[in-house]
Amino acid sequence: MKKSMKILSGVVLLAVAIQFVPYGRDHYNPPVVKEPQWDSPKTKALFARACADCHSNHTRWPAYANVAPVSWLVTHDVNEGREHFNVSLWGVQEKNKGDEAAKELKEGEMPPAIYTVMHPEARLSDAERKALIEGLQKTFGSKELKDE
């Protein structure tokens, strides 16, 4: 067998083997305990479109989220997003950083570029981004506003 065929066989074998790693397959959406009182239906809709997959218990798990190693990355991102800011545990989760949401959106940190590549519906126009920032500030407050 040629060296390139051995390498290809090894890659295929590895790709199959990593599918058996027991991480990234538990696509559980816990129950919603309490949601914030949104300032408007528009803010809630924009948030649902651009942020809710990682920052709520309403995650939509796409088919590629079942294939390792992508499943590992998706699960990690959702777990971390929910840990920092989860609107489905509003007032219950101790360190819910809602007051930082508008700032991160304004600075372009959220939604992450890789997310918008895979979820084009999460791309916001300039007007939508501005409306969501304003809505998040009204809904959650803002550290920027508190510091002024």
Protein backbone atom coordinates (compact mmCIF):
# COMPACT_ATOMS: atom_id res chain seq x y z
CA MET A 1 0.00 0.00 0.00
CA LYS A 2 1.32 3.41 -0.88
CA LYS A 3 2.20 5.85 1.86
CA SER A 4 -0.62 8.25 0.84
CA MET A 5 -3.19 5.44 1.10
CA LYS A 6 -1.91 4.53 4.58
CA ILE A 7 -2.24 8.15 5.64
CA LEU A 8 -5.74 8.42 4.16
CA SER A 9 -6.77 5.17 5.84
CA GLY A 10 -5.45 6.46 9.15
CA VAL A 11 -7.35 9.72 8.81
CA VAL A 12 -10.59 7.90 7.97
CA LEU A 13 -10.08 5.49 10.88
CA LEU A 14 -9.44 8.41 13.24
CA ALA A 15 -12.53 10.25 11.95
CA VAL A 16 -14.67 7.19 12.64
CA ALA A 17 -13.06 6.53 16.03
CA ILE A 18 -13.67 10.04 17.37
CA GLN A 19 -17.40 9.60 16.75
CA PHE A 20 -17.40 7.30 19.78
CA VAL A 21 -16.10 9.94 22.19
CA PRO A 22 -19.00 10.52 24.61
CA TYR A 23 -18.92 14.32 24.52
CA GLY A 24 -20.90 16.69 22.39
CA ARG A 25 -23.96 14.52 21.88
CA ASP A 26 -26.08 15.53 24.86
CA HIS A 27 -28.20 18.14 23.14
CA TYR A 28 -30.32 18.91 26.12
CA ASN A 29 -32.37 22.06 26.40
CA PRO A 30 -33.17 22.45 30.10
CA PRO A 31 -36.55 23.91 31.00
CA VAL A 32 -36.96 27.67 30.99
CA VAL A 33 -37.14 28.83 34.61
CA LYS A 34 -37.71 32.53 34.08
CA GLU A 35 -37.11 34.96 31.21
CA PRO A 36 -36.42 38.68 31.49
CA GLN A 37 -39.07 41.26 30.81
CA TRP A 38 -38.00 42.34 27.33
CA ASP A 39 -38.31 46.03 26.52
CA SER A 40 -40.06 45.13 23.23
CA PRO A 41 -41.02 42.18 21.03
CA LYS A 42 -38.47 43.44 18.47
CA THR A 43 -35.59 43.10 20.96
CA LYS A 44 -36.75 39.61 21.89
CA ALA A 45 -36.98 38.59 18.21
CA LEU A 46 -33.54 40.00 17.33
CA PHE A 47 -32.05 38.30 20.39
CA ALA A 48 -33.70 35.00 19.44
CA ARG A 49 -32.28 35.26 15.91
CA ALA A 50 -28.71 36.25 16.77
CA CYS A 51 -28.05 35.14 20.35
CA ALA A 52 -30.49 32.57 21.76
CA ASP A 53 -28.77 29.44 20.47
CA CYS A 54 -25.96 29.99 22.98
CA HIS A 55 -27.58 32.28 25.53
CA SER A 56 -30.87 30.55 26.31
CA ASN A 57 -32.36 27.10 26.79
CA HIS A 58 -33.92 27.33 23.31
CA THR A 59 -30.86 26.06 21.43
CA ARG A 60 -31.46 24.78 17.91
CA TRP A 61 -29.07 21.85 17.44
CA PRO A 62 -28.17 21.55 13.73
CA ALA A 63 -27.29 18.21 12.16
CA TYR A 64 -23.57 19.00 12.10
CA ALA A 65 -23.70 19.27 15.91
CA ASN A 66 -23.84 15.46 15.93
CA VAL A 67 -20.52 14.94 14.14
CA ALA A 68 -17.25 15.05 16.07
CA PRO A 69 -15.13 17.11 16.35
CA VAL A 70 -17.62 19.85 15.40
CA SER A 71 -20.05 18.52 18.02
CA TRP A 72 -17.42 19.14 20.69
CA LEU A 73 -17.00 22.77 19.66
CA VAL A 74 -20.75 23.42 19.45
CA THR A 75 -21.41 21.84 22.85
CA HIS A 76 -18.55 23.76 24.43
CA ASP A 77 -19.76 27.08 22.98
CA VAL A 78 -23.36 26.52 24.09
CA ASN A 79 -22.30 25.45 27.60
CA GLU A 80 -20.01 28.45 27.97
CA GLY A 81 -22.58 30.87 26.54
CA ARG A 82 -25.26 29.62 28.92
CA GLU A 83 -22.85 29.83 31.86
CA HIS A 84 -22.10 33.53 31.25
CA PHE A 85 -25.49 34.76 30.10
CA ASN A 86 -28.67 32.70 29.94
CA VAL A 87 -32.00 34.48 29.51
CA SER A 88 -33.84 31.26 30.39
CA LEU A 89 -32.53 31.47 33.96
CA TRP A 90 -33.10 35.18 34.44
CA GLY A 91 -32.95 36.18 38.09
CA VAL A 92 -32.02 32.61 39.05
CA GLN A 93 -28.52 32.14 37.63
CA GLU A 94 -26.14 33.93 39.99
CA LYS A 95 -23.66 35.44 37.53
CA ASN A 96 -25.88 36.27 34.57
CA LYS A 97 -23.98 38.99 32.69
CA GLY A 98 -26.90 40.59 30.90
CA ASP A 99 -25.55 44.06 31.58
CA GLU A 100 -22.54 43.25 29.37
CA ALA A 101 -24.56 41.98 26.40
CA ALA A 102 -24.98 45.34 24.67
CA LYS A 103 -21.29 46.18 25.14
CA GLU A 104 -20.13 42.90 23.58
CA LEU A 105 -22.50 43.35 20.67
CA LYS A 106 -21.36 46.95 20.17
CA GLU A 107 -17.68 45.89 20.21
CA GLY A 108 -18.35 43.19 17.61
CA GLU A 109 -17.50 40.33 19.97
CA MET A 110 -20.98 38.84 19.62
CA PRO A 111 -22.22 37.01 17.75
CA PRO A 112 -18.90 35.34 16.91
CA ALA A 113 -17.92 35.39 13.24
CA ILE A 114 -17.77 31.59 13.04
CA TYR A 115 -21.36 31.44 14.27
CA THR A 116 -22.64 33.85 11.63
CA VAL A 117 -20.84 31.87 8.91
CA MET A 118 -22.82 28.77 9.87
CA HIS A 119 -26.00 30.72 10.75
CA PRO A 120 -26.50 33.50 8.19
CA GLU A 121 -29.83 34.40 9.80
CA ALA A 122 -27.84 35.66 12.80
CA ARG A 123 -26.14 38.35 10.72
CA LEU A 124 -27.55 41.70 11.69
CA SER A 125 -27.78 44.77 9.51
CA ASP A 126 -26.39 47.98 11.00
CA ALA A 127 -29.93 49.11 11.85
CA GLU A 128 -30.76 45.75 13.47
CA ARG A 129 -27.50 45.78 15.45
CA LYS A 130 -28.25 49.31 16.70
CA ALA A 131 -31.83 48.34 17.62
CA LEU A 132 -30.65 45.23 19.47
CA ILE A 133 -27.97 47.16 21.38
CA GLU A 134 -30.54 49.75 22.47
CA GLY A 135 -33.05 47.04 23.37
CA LEU A 136 -30.48 45.10 25.40
CA GLN A 137 -29.52 48.26 27.29
CA LYS A 138 -33.17 48.94 28.08
CA THR A 139 -33.84 45.33 29.06
CA PHE A 140 -30.72 44.54 31.09
CA GLY A 141 -29.11 47.87 31.84
CA SER A 142 -25.56 48.57 30.81
CA LYS A 143 -22.25 48.78 32.63
CA GLU A 144 -21.33 51.58 30.22
CA LEU A 145 -24.34 53.59 31.34
CA LYS A 146 -23.65 52.86 35.02
CA ASP A 147 -20.02 53.98 34.73
CA GLU A 148 -20.92 57.37 33.22
